[in-house]
Amino acid sequence: MIKLLTSKEDYIEHLLKDVPEHRRLSVIQEAYKNALDTRKFEIDLYWKRATYFWTFIAAIFIGFYTIINQNELFKIEIIETSITQQKESIEILVDIMIFGVSLLGYIFSLGWYFVNRGSKVWQENWERHIGFLEDYLNGPLFKTVIKPNLYFTYLNSSYPYSVSKVNQMLSLFVTIFWYIIINALSFILFIDRFKPKCFIVYFLFFVVVNLILVSVTHMFHKETVSFMHKDWEEGNSNGRTYIN
């Protein structure tokens, strides 16, 4: 069964359960300090992870461009060779490299998107803790914010964008980009190699390629969900307490 806290009072009562009266204030102070420090740590990790994924995805882009750029050179070498077996081997190798690098780009971009969403969970988690605890120590400091500029056309002023959501959307667009690239390249390579004349063959090939991508995405999703998802899926908090 999931143990759920539905109010600030429930939260404080849960936090101070079995804590002696004379230690309650110090426990709240320490919890607030830990929540602030952990939130800073999560934000720092968030940007370190973003840098990690940007680096790998940029390297994959460069590798992909290099292979595509060198593809014509490979074809020239293939034409010049007189050994049929060597010709076919080089063609297959180039095709595998192009598809493999594209799939790697998709997987890394998908991983980046999942990491962004997962990081947001923990950031919001610690912000919720701070929101409950700060009222008892320094007032609603983090819940008091300046009135934002809501006129997007004032291009020289600030605007209330969510930085993490911008990064999340970028990772989603990059994932979609690789998805489209894989489909487009697969068709080009398939047509170039087999030159099918039947529409059904095109359709079946499209289905196979997308089944591969959907299977990879589903497997990635199922194998990377955290304990939070599993707790709610099973209806058992396994000793943890959740805030509604």
C-alpha atoms as a PDB file:
ATOM      1  CA  MET A   1       0.000   0.000   0.000  1.00  0.00           C
ATOM      2  CA  ILE A   2       1.229   3.513  -0.861  1.00  0.00           C
ATOM      3  CA  LYS A   3       1.723   5.816   2.130  1.00  0.00           C
ATOM      4  CA  LEU A   4       0.707   9.313   1.014  1.00  0.00           C
ATOM      5  CA  LEU A   5       1.073  12.728   2.667  1.00  0.00           C
ATOM      6  CA  THR A   6      -1.580  15.169   1.492  1.00  0.00           C
ATOM      7  CA  SER A   7      -0.844  18.359   3.454  1.00  0.00           C
ATOM      8  CA  LYS A   8       1.983  20.382   4.970  1.00  0.00           C
ATOM      9  CA  GLU A   9       0.808  19.365   8.434  1.00  0.00           C
ATOM     10  CA  ASP A  10       1.000  15.665   7.498  1.00  0.00           C
ATOM     11  CA  TYR A  11       4.497  16.241   6.143  1.00  0.00           C
ATOM     12  CA  ILE A  12       5.778  17.925   9.325  1.00  0.00           C
ATOM     13  CA  GLU A  13       4.132  15.297  11.521  1.00  0.00           C
ATOM     14  CA  HIS A  14       5.783  12.555   9.446  1.00  0.00           C
ATOM     15  CA  LEU A  15       9.173  14.293   9.599  1.00  0.00           C
ATOM     16  CA  LEU A  16       9.071  14.798  13.380  1.00  0.00           C
ATOM     17  CA  LYS A  17       7.653  11.384  14.208  1.00  0.00           C
ATOM     18  CA  ASP A  18       9.458   9.930  17.242  1.00  0.00           C
ATOM     19  CA  VAL A  19      11.599  13.113  17.564  1.00  0.00           C
ATOM     20  CA  PRO A  20      11.795  14.559  21.116  1.00  0.00           C
ATOM     21  CA  GLU A  21      10.225  18.000  21.609  1.00  0.00           C
ATOM     22  CA  HIS A  22      13.545  19.732  22.372  1.00  0.00           C
ATOM     23  CA  ARG A  23      15.103  18.503  19.077  1.00  0.00           C
ATOM     24  CA  ARG A  24      12.256  19.318  16.689  1.00  0.00           C
ATOM     25  CA  LEU A  25      13.491  22.732  15.602  1.00  0.00           C
ATOM     26  CA  SER A  26      17.024  21.463  14.950  1.00  0.00           C
ATOM     27  CA  VAL A  27      15.619  18.543  12.921  1.00  0.00           C
ATOM     28  CA  ILE A  28      13.621  20.956  10.730  1.00  0.00           C
ATOM     29  CA  GLN A  29      16.680  23.210  10.323  1.00  0.00           C
ATOM     30  CA  GLU A  30      18.877  20.285   9.331  1.00  0.00           C
ATOM     31  CA  ALA A  31      16.240  18.937   6.947  1.00  0.00           C
ATOM     32  CA  TYR A  32      15.912  22.356   5.316  1.00  0.00           C
ATOM     33  CA  LYS A  33      19.689  22.661   4.914  1.00  0.00           C
ATOM     34  CA  ASN A  34      19.892  19.157   3.412  1.00  0.00           C
ATOM     35  CA  ALA A  35      17.021  19.910   1.023  1.00  0.00           C
ATOM     36  CA  LEU A  36      18.749  23.118  -0.173  1.00  0.00           C
ATOM     37  CA  ASP A  37      22.109  21.378  -0.593  1.00  0.00           C
ATOM     38  CA  THR A  38      20.589  18.405  -2.408  1.00  0.00           C
ATOM     39  CA  ARG A  39      18.609  20.685  -4.733  1.00  0.00           C
ATOM     40  CA  LYS A  40      21.843  22.523  -5.639  1.00  0.00           C
ATOM     41  CA  PHE A  41      23.550  19.157  -6.156  1.00  0.00           C
ATOM     42  CA  GLU A  42      20.743  17.940  -8.444  1.00  0.00           C
ATOM     43  CA  ILE A  43      20.890  21.138 -10.531  1.00  0.00           C
ATOM     44  CA  ASP A  44      24.658  20.812 -10.827  1.00  0.00           C
ATOM     45  CA  LEU A  45      24.289  17.167 -11.884  1.00  0.00           C
ATOM     46  CA  TYR A  46      21.602  18.164 -14.373  1.00  0.00           C
ATOM     47  CA  TRP A  47      23.975  20.437 -16.310  1.00  0.00           C
ATOM     48  CA  LYS A  48      26.855  17.980 -16.047  1.00  0.00           C
ATOM     49  CA  ARG A  49      24.629  15.303 -17.584  1.00  0.00           C
ATOM     50  CA  ALA A  50      23.543  17.734 -20.316  1.00  0.00           C
ATOM     51  CA  THR A  51      27.204  18.423 -21.148  1.00  0.00           C
ATOM     52  CA  TYR A  52      27.925  14.683 -21.204  1.00  0.00           C
ATOM     53  CA  PHE A  53      25.124  13.971 -23.678  1.00  0.00           C
ATOM     54  CA  TRP A  54      25.849  17.023 -25.845  1.00  0.00           C
ATOM     55  CA  THR A  55      29.480  15.861 -26.156  1.00  0.00           C
ATOM     56  CA  PHE A  56      28.573  12.320 -27.206  1.00  0.00           C
ATOM     57  CA  ILE A  57      25.781  13.410 -29.561  1.00  0.00           C
ATOM     58  CA  ALA A  58      28.079  15.991 -31.192  1.00  0.00           C
ATOM     59  CA  ALA A  59      30.700  13.260 -31.668  1.00  0.00           C
ATOM     60  CA  ILE A  60      28.045  10.994 -33.240  1.00  0.00           C
ATOM     61  CA  PHE A  61      26.972  13.835 -35.562  1.00  0.00           C
ATOM     62  CA  ILE A  62      30.590  14.289 -36.650  1.00  0.00           C
ATOM     63  CA  GLY A  63      31.018  10.530 -37.182  1.00  0.00           C
ATOM     64  CA  PHE A  64      27.758  10.370 -39.134  1.00  0.00           C
ATOM     65  CA  TYR A  65      28.773  13.302 -41.357  1.00  0.00           C
ATOM     66  CA  THR A  66      32.222  11.793 -41.934  1.00  0.00           C
ATOM     67  CA  ILE A  67      30.802   8.454 -43.049  1.00  0.00           C
ATOM     68  CA  ILE A  68      28.249  10.085 -45.347  1.00  0.00           C
ATOM     69  CA  ASN A  69      30.914  12.406 -46.755  1.00  0.00           C
ATOM     70  CA  GLN A  70      33.291   9.513 -47.388  1.00  0.00           C
ATOM     71  CA  ASN A  71      30.568   7.338 -48.895  1.00  0.00           C
ATOM     72  CA  GLU A  72      31.214   8.642 -52.425  1.00  0.00           C
ATOM     73  CA  LEU A  73      34.924   7.927 -51.993  1.00  0.00           C
ATOM     74  CA  PHE A  74      34.079   4.366 -50.974  1.00  0.00           C
ATOM     75  CA  LYS A  75      31.866   4.021 -54.064  1.00  0.00           C
ATOM     76  CA  ILE A  76      34.683   5.215 -56.322  1.00  0.00           C
ATOM     77  CA  GLU A  77      37.008   2.637 -54.786  1.00  0.00           C
ATOM     78  CA  ILE A  78      34.317  -0.019 -55.219  1.00  0.00           C
ATOM     79  CA  ILE A  79      33.887   0.840 -58.905  1.00  0.00           C
ATOM     80  CA  GLU A  80      37.629   0.682 -59.500  1.00  0.00           C
ATOM     81  CA  THR A  81      38.012  -2.718 -57.882  1.00  0.00           C
ATOM     82  CA  SER A  82      37.639  -5.794 -60.050  1.00  0.00           C
ATOM     83  CA  ILE A  83      36.863  -8.225 -57.242  1.00  0.00           C
ATOM     84  CA  THR A  84      33.092  -8.675 -56.922  1.00  0.00           C
ATOM     85  CA  GLN A  85      33.251 -10.157 -53.421  1.00  0.00           C
ATOM     86  CA  GLN A  86      35.356  -7.243 -52.150  1.00  0.00           C
ATOM     87  CA  LYS A  87      32.951  -4.811 -53.789  1.00  0.00           C
ATOM     88  CA  GLU A  88      29.937  -6.329 -52.011  1.00  0.00           C
ATOM     89  CA  SER A  89      31.765  -6.503 -48.685  1.00  0.00           C
ATOM     90  CA  ILE A  90      32.671  -2.801 -48.773  1.00  0.00           C
ATOM     91  CA  GLU A  91      29.108  -1.838 -49.738  1.00  0.00           C
ATOM     92  CA  ILE A  92      27.625  -3.857 -46.863  1.00  0.00           C
ATOM     93  CA  LEU A  93      30.191  -2.452 -44.414  1.00  0.00           C
ATOM     94  CA  VAL A  94      29.370   1.145 -45.379  1.00  0.00           C
ATOM     95  CA  ASP A  95      25.625   0.485 -45.092  1.00  0.00           C
ATOM     96  CA  ILE A  96      26.039  -1.082 -41.643  1.00  0.00           C
ATOM     97  CA  MET A  97      28.207   1.809 -40.457  1.00  0.00           C
ATOM     98  CA  ILE A  98      25.690   4.415 -41.628  1.00  0.00           C
ATOM     99  CA  PHE A  99      22.721   2.628 -40.042  1.00  0.00           C
ATOM    100  CA  GLY A 100      24.683   1.802 -36.865  1.00  0.00           C
ATOM    101  CA  VAL A 101      25.824   5.384 -36.256  1.00  0.00           C
ATOM    102  CA  SER A 102      22.266   6.652 -36.882  1.00  0.00           C
ATOM    103  CA  LEU A 103      20.857   4.135 -34.386  1.00  0.00           C
ATOM    104  CA  LEU A 104      23.533   5.128 -31.857  1.00  0.00           C
ATOM    105  CA  GLY A 105      22.536   8.795 -32.294  1.00  0.00           C
ATOM    106  CA  TYR A 106      18.890   7.876 -31.689  1.00  0.00           C
ATOM    107  CA  ILE A 107      19.683   5.857 -28.547  1.00  0.00           C
ATOM    108  CA  PHE A 108      21.882   8.571 -27.024  1.00  0.00           C
ATOM    109  CA  SER A 109      19.295  11.266 -27.812  1.00  0.00           C
ATOM    110  CA  LEU A 110      16.527   9.122 -26.326  1.00  0.00           C
ATOM    111  CA  GLY A 111      18.666   8.554 -23.235  1.00  0.00           C
ATOM    112  CA  TRP A 112      19.255  12.309 -22.947  1.00  0.00           C
ATOM    113  CA  TYR A 113      15.489  12.939 -23.152  1.00  0.00           C
ATOM    114  CA  PHE A 114      14.778  10.334 -20.452  1.00  0.00           C
ATOM    115  CA  VAL A 115      17.540  11.730 -18.213  1.00  0.00           C
ATOM    116  CA  ASN A 116      16.105  15.246 -18.555  1.00  0.00           C
ATOM    117  CA  ARG A 117      12.674  14.045 -17.458  1.00  0.00           C
ATOM    118  CA  GLY A 118      14.141  11.981 -14.621  1.00  0.00           C
ATOM    119  CA  SER A 119      16.261  14.894 -13.390  1.00  0.00           C
ATOM    120  CA  LYS A 120      13.178  17.110 -13.353  1.00  0.00           C
ATOM    121  CA  VAL A 121      11.482  14.671 -10.962  1.00  0.00           C
ATOM    122  CA  TRP A 122      14.259  15.007  -8.388  1.00  0.00           C
ATOM    123  CA  GLN A 123      14.513  18.776  -8.789  1.00  0.00           C
ATOM    124  CA  GLU A 124      10.769  19.129  -8.166  1.00  0.00           C
ATOM    125  CA  ASN A 125      11.038  16.664  -5.270  1.00  0.00           C
ATOM    126  CA  TRP A 126      13.516  18.803  -3.358  1.00  0.00           C
ATOM    127  CA  GLU A 127      11.712  22.029  -4.249  1.00  0.00           C
ATOM    128  CA  ARG A 128       8.594  20.545  -2.643  1.00  0.00           C
ATOM    129  CA  HIS A 129      10.561  19.724   0.516  1.00  0.00           C
ATOM    130  CA  ILE A 130      11.927  23.279   0.634  1.00  0.00           C
ATOM    131  CA  GLY A 131       8.420  24.683   0.127  1.00  0.00           C
ATOM    132  CA  PHE A 132       7.115  22.773   3.161  1.00  0.00           C
ATOM    133  CA  LEU A 133      10.097  23.475   5.429  1.00  0.00           C
ATOM    134  CA  GLU A 134      10.882  27.122   4.710  1.00  0.00           C
ATOM    135  CA  ASP A 135       7.677  28.471   6.320  1.00  0.00           C
ATOM    136  CA  TYR A 136       8.955  27.302   9.718  1.00  0.00           C
ATOM    137  CA  LEU A 137      12.403  28.911   9.361  1.00  0.00           C
ATOM    138  CA  ASN A 138      12.640  31.944   7.084  1.00  0.00           C
ATOM    139  CA  GLY A 139       9.122  32.365   5.720  1.00  0.00           C
ATOM    140  CA  PRO A 140       7.944  31.658   2.157  1.00  0.00           C
ATOM    141  CA  LEU A 141      11.190  32.858   0.561  1.00  0.00           C
ATOM    142  CA  PHE A 142      11.232  30.510  -2.457  1.00  0.00           C
ATOM    143  CA  LYS A 143       7.481  30.870  -2.934  1.00  0.00           C
ATOM    144  CA  THR A 144       7.802  34.662  -3.263  1.00  0.00           C
ATOM    145  CA  VAL A 145       8.821  35.682  -6.788  1.00  0.00           C
ATOM    146  CA  ILE A 146       8.856  38.841  -8.894  1.00  0.00           C
ATOM    147  CA  LYS A 147       6.040  39.538 -11.320  1.00  0.00           C
ATOM    148  CA  PRO A 148       7.247  38.227 -14.695  1.00  0.00           C
ATOM    149  CA  ASN A 149       7.222  40.048 -17.994  1.00  0.00           C
ATOM    150  CA  LEU A 150       4.472  38.371 -20.044  1.00  0.00           C
ATOM    151  CA  TYR A 151       5.067  40.275 -23.284  1.00  0.00           C
ATOM    152  CA  PHE A 152       7.096  38.030 -25.561  1.00  0.00           C
ATOM    153  CA  THR A 153       7.517  40.836 -28.109  1.00  0.00           C
ATOM    154  CA  TYR A 154       9.707  42.794 -25.662  1.00  0.00           C
ATOM    155  CA  LEU A 155      12.752  41.039 -27.065  1.00  0.00           C
ATOM    156  CA  ASN A 156      15.262  42.855 -24.847  1.00  0.00           C
ATOM    157  CA  SER A 157      13.598  41.875 -21.572  1.00  0.00           C
ATOM    158  CA  SER A 158      13.396  38.690 -19.509  1.00  0.00           C
ATOM    159  CA  TYR A 159      10.672  36.113 -20.108  1.00  0.00           C
ATOM    160  CA  PRO A 160       9.494  33.267 -17.822  1.00  0.00           C
ATOM    161  CA  TYR A 161      10.836  30.282 -19.743  1.00  0.00           C
ATOM    162  CA  SER A 162      11.635  27.059 -17.936  1.00  0.00           C
ATOM    163  CA  VAL A 163      15.305  26.391 -18.649  1.00  0.00           C
ATOM    164  CA  SER A 164      14.949  22.676 -17.933  1.00  0.00           C
ATOM    165  CA  LYS A 165      11.904  22.408 -20.235  1.00  0.00           C
ATOM    166  CA  VAL A 166      13.816  24.135 -23.057  1.00  0.00           C
ATOM    167  CA  ASN A 167      16.569  21.546 -22.647  1.00  0.00           C
ATOM    168  CA  GLN A 168      13.982  18.770 -22.517  1.00  0.00           C
ATOM    169  CA  MET A 169      12.344  19.968 -25.752  1.00  0.00           C
ATOM    170  CA  LEU A 170      15.743  20.173 -27.453  1.00  0.00           C
ATOM    171  CA  SER A 171      16.502  16.573 -26.490  1.00  0.00           C
ATOM    172  CA  LEU A 172      13.083  15.495 -27.806  1.00  0.00           C
ATOM    173  CA  PHE A 173      13.629  17.290 -31.139  1.00  0.00           C
ATOM    174  CA  VAL A 174      17.095  15.736 -31.534  1.00  0.00           C
ATOM    175  CA  THR A 175      15.563  12.293 -30.843  1.00  0.00           C
ATOM    176  CA  ILE A 176      12.877  12.904 -33.492  1.00  0.00           C
ATOM    177  CA  PHE A 177      15.579  14.097 -35.898  1.00  0.00           C
ATOM    178  CA  TRP A 178      17.487  10.811 -35.562  1.00  0.00           C
ATOM    179  CA  TYR A 179      14.233   8.870 -35.911  1.00  0.00           C
ATOM    180  CA  ILE A 180      13.531  10.590 -39.240  1.00  0.00           C
ATOM    181  CA  ILE A 181      17.151  10.164 -40.383  1.00  0.00           C
ATOM    182  CA  ILE A 182      17.066   6.415 -39.677  1.00  0.00           C
ATOM    183  CA  ASN A 183      13.851   5.974 -41.667  1.00  0.00           C
ATOM    184  CA  ALA A 184      15.064   8.125 -44.582  1.00  0.00           C
ATOM    185  CA  LEU A 185      18.496   6.485 -44.782  1.00  0.00           C
ATOM    186  CA  SER A 186      17.042   2.999 -44.436  1.00  0.00           C
ATOM    187  CA  PHE A 187      14.811   3.606 -47.448  1.00  0.00           C
ATOM    188  CA  ILE A 188      17.632   5.103 -49.491  1.00  0.00           C
ATOM    189  CA  LEU A 189      19.979   2.195 -48.724  1.00  0.00           C
ATOM    190  CA  PHE A 190      17.212  -0.361 -49.242  1.00  0.00           C
ATOM    191  CA  ILE A 191      16.223   1.071 -52.620  1.00  0.00           C
ATOM    192  CA  ASP A 192      19.858   1.424 -53.707  1.00  0.00           C
ATOM    193  CA  ARG A 193      20.676  -2.193 -52.846  1.00  0.00           C
ATOM    194  CA  PHE A 194      17.523  -4.152 -53.746  1.00  0.00           C
ATOM    195  CA  LYS A 195      15.607  -1.820 -56.125  1.00  0.00           C
ATOM    196  CA  PRO A 196      12.201  -3.327 -55.244  1.00  0.00           C
ATOM    197  CA  LYS A 197       9.319  -2.647 -57.633  1.00  0.00           C
ATOM    198  CA  CYS A 198       6.406  -3.632 -55.357  1.00  0.00           C
ATOM    199  CA  PHE A 199       4.803  -1.144 -52.948  1.00  0.00           C
ATOM    200  CA  ILE A 200       4.134  -3.946 -50.425  1.00  0.00           C
ATOM    201  CA  VAL A 201       7.883  -4.514 -50.090  1.00  0.00           C
ATOM    202  CA  TYR A 202       8.406  -0.805 -49.257  1.00  0.00           C
ATOM    203  CA  PHE A 203       5.625  -0.948 -46.676  1.00  0.00           C
ATOM    204  CA  LEU A 204       6.946  -4.127 -45.034  1.00  0.00           C
ATOM    205  CA  PHE A 205      10.440  -2.640 -44.855  1.00  0.00           C
ATOM    206  CA  PHE A 206       9.022   0.521 -43.250  1.00  0.00           C
ATOM    207  CA  VAL A 207       7.170  -1.620 -40.681  1.00  0.00           C
ATOM    208  CA  VAL A 208      10.308  -3.638 -39.843  1.00  0.00           C
ATOM    209  CA  VAL A 209      12.498  -0.526 -39.359  1.00  0.00           C
ATOM    210  CA  ASN A 210       9.919   1.144 -37.120  1.00  0.00           C
ATOM    211  CA  LEU A 211       9.305  -2.028 -35.134  1.00  0.00           C
ATOM    212  CA  ILE A 212      13.033  -2.045 -34.367  1.00  0.00           C
ATOM    213  CA  LEU A 213      12.917   1.589 -33.207  1.00  0.00           C
ATOM    214  CA  VAL A 214       9.735   1.081 -31.164  1.00  0.00           C
ATOM    215  CA  SER A 215      11.214  -2.065 -29.560  1.00  0.00           C
ATOM    216  CA  VAL A 216      14.441  -0.243 -28.658  1.00  0.00           C
ATOM    217  CA  THR A 217      12.442   2.681 -27.199  1.00  0.00           C
ATOM    218  CA  HIS A 218      10.122   0.393 -25.217  1.00  0.00           C
ATOM    219  CA  MET A 219      13.013  -1.680 -23.853  1.00  0.00           C
ATOM    220  CA  PHE A 220      14.908   1.496 -22.911  1.00  0.00           C
ATOM    221  CA  HIS A 221      11.809   2.847 -21.135  1.00  0.00           C
ATOM    222  CA  LYS A 222      11.020  -0.366 -19.238  1.00  0.00           C
ATOM    223  CA  GLU A 223      14.613  -0.957 -18.124  1.00  0.00           C
ATOM    224  CA  THR A 224      15.296   2.603 -16.942  1.00  0.00           C
ATOM    225  CA  VAL A 225      12.217   3.549 -14.882  1.00  0.00           C
ATOM    226  CA  SER A 226      13.098   4.298 -11.262  1.00  0.00           C
ATOM    227  CA  PHE A 227      11.775   2.794  -8.023  1.00  0.00           C
ATOM    228  CA  MET A 228       9.084   5.517  -7.958  1.00  0.00           C
ATOM    229  CA  HIS A 229       7.392   4.135 -11.066  1.00  0.00           C
ATOM    230  CA  LYS A 230       7.678   0.563  -9.807  1.00  0.00           C
ATOM    231  CA  ASP A 231       6.216   1.497  -6.390  1.00  0.00           C
ATOM    232  CA  TRP A 232       3.079   2.997  -7.929  1.00  0.00           C
ATOM    233  CA  GLU A 233       2.791   0.263 -10.532  1.00  0.00           C
ATOM    234  CA  GLU A 234       2.867  -2.391  -7.797  1.00  0.00           C
ATOM    235  CA  GLY A 235       0.808  -0.339  -5.319  1.00  0.00           C
ATOM    236  CA  ASN A 236       3.495  -0.822  -2.665  1.00  0.00           C
ATOM    237  CA  SER A 237       5.736   1.983  -1.396  1.00  0.00           C
ATOM    238  CA  ASN A 238       8.299  -0.493   0.046  1.00  0.00           C
ATOM    239  CA  GLY A 239       8.801   1.580   3.189  1.00  0.00           C
ATOM    240  CA  ARG A 240       8.892   4.932   1.360  1.00  0.00           C
ATOM    241  CA  THR A 241       6.453   7.810   1.921  1.00  0.00           C
ATOM    242  CA  TYR A 242       5.125   9.935  -0.936  1.00  0.00           C
ATOM    243  CA  ILE A 243       3.927  13.556  -1.003  1.00  0.00           C
ATOM    244  CA  ASN A 244       0.827  14.317  -3.003  1.00  0.00           C
END
